[in-house]
Amino acid sequence: MSKVGKAPIEIPEEVEVKITKNRVHASGKNGLEFSQEYDPNYVTVKEEGEEILVERNADRKEYRQRHGLYRSLIANMVNGLVEPFEKSLVIEGLGYRARNQGNKLIFELGYSHPIEYELPENVEAQVEGNDQIKIMGPDKQEVGQVAADIRRLRPPEPYKGKGIRYKGEEIIRKEGKLSGGEEAGIG
């Protein structure tokens, strides 16, 4: 049995869950509603007391794969209604900075013009200092996608490490060109 798939999903008090033929609906106290579709040919989803159980219908490889996948997607949906997911980004480089402006982020990343990034509806961003960005939201996939889109505006380069990176991400640095005779091995 899948270690991820067999774990029951606890339903918090402030979340209401409704399971239909091929979809799980969840709504939170703050008015947010999410639904996650699943394939009933592969898994069976049922509610028992204060838990959601995901069980696979057979023991073949594709059934095992989808068992853990659907359980994770449903658990992320339920947990996101209680506590938002977060991703942190760091901007590194001289003159590189970001600021909030309503539901937009304005970036100055060494280009000739500032870059505006409009945030999706359920995603918030906080800029700390000028070089730290925290992205928060109830949908884990959407938070991750927004963070990836922002990182793509100016990915970190390998020589000086300038650009936007995830907090804690290690950038593999390259050595620059060597100049002069002795360092280059000439002489």
Protein backbone atom coordinates (compact mmCIF):
# COMPACT_ATOMS: atom_id res chain seq x y z
CA MET A 1 0.00 0.00 0.00
CA SER A 2 1.23 3.52 -0.76
CA LYS A 3 2.61 5.26 2.34
CA VAL A 4 1.13 8.55 1.17
CA GLY A 5 -2.14 7.12 -0.12
CA LYS A 6 -3.12 5.08 2.92
CA ALA A 7 -2.85 7.98 5.39
CA PRO A 8 -6.30 9.38 6.23
CA ILE A 9 -6.94 13.10 5.67
CA GLU A 10 -8.25 14.77 8.81
CA ILE A 11 -11.02 17.30 8.23
CA PRO A 12 -10.55 20.42 10.39
CA GLU A 13 -13.60 21.85 12.19
CA GLU A 14 -13.74 24.98 10.01
CA VAL A 15 -13.78 23.00 6.73
CA GLU A 16 -16.89 21.44 5.22
CA VAL A 17 -16.36 18.56 2.77
CA LYS A 18 -18.80 17.07 0.26
CA ILE A 19 -17.90 14.08 -1.91
CA THR A 20 -19.71 13.40 -5.20
CA LYS A 21 -19.19 10.71 -7.84
CA ASN A 22 -15.87 12.03 -9.18
CA ARG A 23 -15.17 15.25 -7.25
CA VAL A 24 -14.38 16.39 -3.71
CA HIS A 25 -15.73 19.83 -2.72
CA ALA A 26 -14.33 21.71 0.28
CA SER A 27 -15.34 25.09 1.66
CA GLY A 28 -13.78 27.06 4.49
CA LYS A 29 -15.00 29.59 7.01
CA ASN A 30 -13.51 32.48 5.02
CA GLY A 31 -15.84 31.83 2.07
CA LEU A 32 -13.29 30.07 -0.12
CA GLU A 33 -14.39 26.99 -2.02
CA PHE A 34 -12.25 24.48 -3.85
CA SER A 35 -12.97 21.24 -5.63
CA GLN A 36 -10.67 18.47 -6.78
CA GLU A 37 -11.61 16.01 -9.48
CA TYR A 38 -10.52 12.37 -9.24
CA ASP A 39 -10.93 9.35 -11.51
CA PRO A 40 -13.37 6.86 -9.90
CA ASN A 41 -11.95 4.08 -12.11
CA TYR A 42 -8.69 4.23 -10.13
CA VAL A 43 -9.64 5.30 -6.59
CA THR A 44 -12.60 5.46 -4.24
CA VAL A 45 -12.93 8.48 -1.97
CA LYS A 46 -15.16 8.30 1.10
CA GLU A 47 -15.77 10.25 4.25
CA GLU A 48 -15.69 8.40 7.56
CA GLY A 49 -16.36 10.55 10.61
CA GLU A 50 -13.88 13.42 10.60
CA GLU A 51 -11.57 11.84 7.99
CA ILE A 52 -11.39 11.35 4.25
CA LEU A 53 -10.10 7.99 3.04
CA VAL A 54 -8.71 7.39 -0.44
CA GLU A 55 -8.57 3.73 -1.50
CA ARG A 56 -7.37 2.31 -4.80
CA ASN A 57 -9.51 -0.11 -6.78
CA ALA A 58 -6.68 -2.46 -7.90
CA ASP A 59 -3.01 -3.10 -7.19
CA ARG A 60 -1.47 -2.37 -10.59
CA LYS A 61 1.19 0.31 -11.13
CA GLU A 62 -1.07 3.06 -12.54
CA TYR A 63 -3.55 2.55 -9.68
CA ARG A 64 -0.77 2.90 -7.09
CA GLN A 65 0.52 6.07 -8.79
CA ARG A 66 -2.86 7.78 -8.79
CA HIS A 67 -3.65 6.64 -5.26
CA GLY A 68 -0.90 8.81 -3.73
CA LEU A 69 -1.50 11.64 -6.22
CA TYR A 70 -5.21 12.06 -5.51
CA ARG A 71 -4.69 11.75 -1.77
CA SER A 72 -2.03 14.51 -1.85
CA LEU A 73 -4.15 16.81 -4.02
CA ILE A 74 -7.18 16.42 -1.74
CA ALA A 75 -5.08 16.89 1.42
CA ASN A 76 -3.48 20.07 0.01
CA MET A 77 -6.91 21.43 -0.87
CA VAL A 78 -8.29 20.79 2.64
CA ASN A 79 -5.17 22.06 4.46
CA GLY A 80 -4.95 25.19 2.29
CA LEU A 81 -8.37 26.33 3.51
CA VAL A 82 -7.07 26.35 7.10
CA GLU A 83 -3.52 27.64 6.71
CA PRO A 84 -2.18 29.27 3.52
CA PHE A 85 0.84 27.87 1.71
CA GLU A 86 3.97 30.04 1.41
CA LYS A 87 6.93 30.39 -0.94
CA SER A 88 9.78 32.82 -0.32
CA LEU A 89 11.93 34.44 -2.99
CA VAL A 90 15.14 36.45 -2.66
CA ILE A 91 16.27 39.12 -5.12
CA GLU A 92 20.02 39.48 -5.41
CA GLY A 93 21.87 42.12 -7.41
CA LEU A 94 22.83 45.77 -7.25
CA GLY A 95 19.78 47.93 -7.94
CA TYR A 96 17.42 44.93 -8.15
CA ARG A 97 14.28 45.44 -6.07
CA ALA A 98 10.55 44.82 -5.82
CA ARG A 99 7.60 46.67 -4.35
CA ASN A 100 3.87 46.11 -3.86
CA GLN A 101 1.32 48.25 -5.65
CA GLY A 102 -2.21 47.01 -4.99
CA ASN A 103 -2.49 43.51 -6.42
CA LYS A 104 0.64 44.01 -8.55
CA LEU A 105 4.32 43.55 -7.91
CA ILE A 106 6.68 46.03 -9.59
CA PHE A 107 10.21 44.72 -10.26
CA GLU A 108 13.35 46.61 -11.17
CA LEU A 109 15.72 43.91 -12.39
CA GLY A 110 18.39 45.67 -14.42
CA TYR A 111 16.29 46.01 -17.56
CA SER A 112 15.59 49.41 -19.15
CA HIS A 113 12.01 49.34 -17.77
CA PRO A 114 10.25 48.13 -14.62
CA ILE A 115 8.32 44.85 -14.90
CA GLU A 116 4.76 44.63 -13.56
CA TYR A 117 3.44 41.25 -12.41
CA GLU A 118 -0.26 41.01 -11.63
CA LEU A 119 -1.13 38.53 -8.89
CA PRO A 120 -3.99 36.04 -9.31
CA GLU A 121 -7.17 36.47 -7.26
CA ASN A 122 -6.43 34.26 -4.22
CA VAL A 123 -2.68 34.91 -4.02
CA GLU A 124 -1.07 37.59 -1.86
CA ALA A 125 2.51 38.82 -1.82
CA GLN A 126 4.48 40.66 0.84
CA VAL A 127 7.69 42.48 0.04
CA GLU A 128 10.07 42.66 3.00
CA GLY A 129 12.91 45.11 2.59
CA ASN A 130 13.37 45.48 -1.13
CA ASP A 131 14.75 42.04 -1.78
CA GLN A 132 12.52 39.49 0.01
CA ILE A 133 9.17 38.37 -1.41
CA LYS A 134 6.75 36.06 0.40
CA ILE A 135 3.95 34.59 -1.72
CA MET A 136 0.94 33.17 0.14
CA GLY A 137 -2.33 31.54 -0.84
CA PRO A 138 -4.68 28.65 -0.13
CA ASP A 139 -3.93 26.76 -3.38
CA LYS A 140 -0.50 25.09 -3.26
CA GLN A 141 -0.29 24.65 -7.03
CA GLU A 142 -1.14 28.28 -7.72
CA VAL A 143 1.37 29.58 -5.13
CA GLY A 144 4.10 27.44 -6.65
CA GLN A 145 3.23 28.59 -10.18
CA VAL A 146 3.29 32.28 -9.20
CA ALA A 147 6.68 31.80 -7.51
CA ALA A 148 8.03 30.05 -10.61
CA ASP A 149 6.69 32.80 -12.90
CA ILE A 150 8.33 35.51 -10.79
CA ARG A 151 11.63 33.59 -10.67
CA ARG A 152 11.50 33.30 -14.47
CA LEU A 153 11.52 37.12 -14.80
CA ARG A 154 15.26 37.13 -13.96
CA PRO A 155 16.67 33.66 -13.14
CA PRO A 156 19.91 33.65 -11.12
CA GLU A 157 23.01 33.68 -13.27
CA PRO A 158 25.95 31.41 -12.38
CA TYR A 159 28.81 33.95 -12.26
CA LYS A 160 27.70 36.51 -9.67
CA GLY A 161 24.42 34.90 -8.58
CA LYS A 162 22.37 37.96 -9.57
CA GLY A 163 18.66 37.38 -10.15
CA ILE A 164 15.61 35.99 -8.36
CA ARG A 165 15.95 32.68 -6.50
CA TYR A 166 13.97 30.67 -3.98
CA LYS A 167 14.97 31.18 -0.37
CA GLY A 168 17.45 28.44 0.50
CA GLU A 169 18.16 27.59 -3.16
CA GLU A 170 21.83 26.89 -3.87
CA ILE A 171 23.17 28.48 -7.04
CA ILE A 172 26.09 26.59 -8.54
CA ARG A 173 28.70 29.23 -9.24
CA LYS A 174 31.05 29.16 -12.22
CA GLU A 175 34.52 30.58 -12.23
CA GLY A 176 34.98 33.56 -14.54
CA LYS A 177 37.61 33.82 -17.25
CA LEU A 178 41.17 33.99 -16.01
CA SER A 179 43.27 36.93 -17.17
CA GLY A 180 47.04 37.30 -17.24
CA GLY A 181 49.73 34.79 -17.98
CA GLU A 182 50.41 33.01 -14.69
CA GLU A 183 46.81 32.33 -13.66
CA ALA A 184 46.02 30.97 -17.11
CA GLY A 185 49.02 28.62 -16.96
CA ILE A 186 51.07 30.49 -19.56
CA GLY A 187 54.60 31.37 -18.78
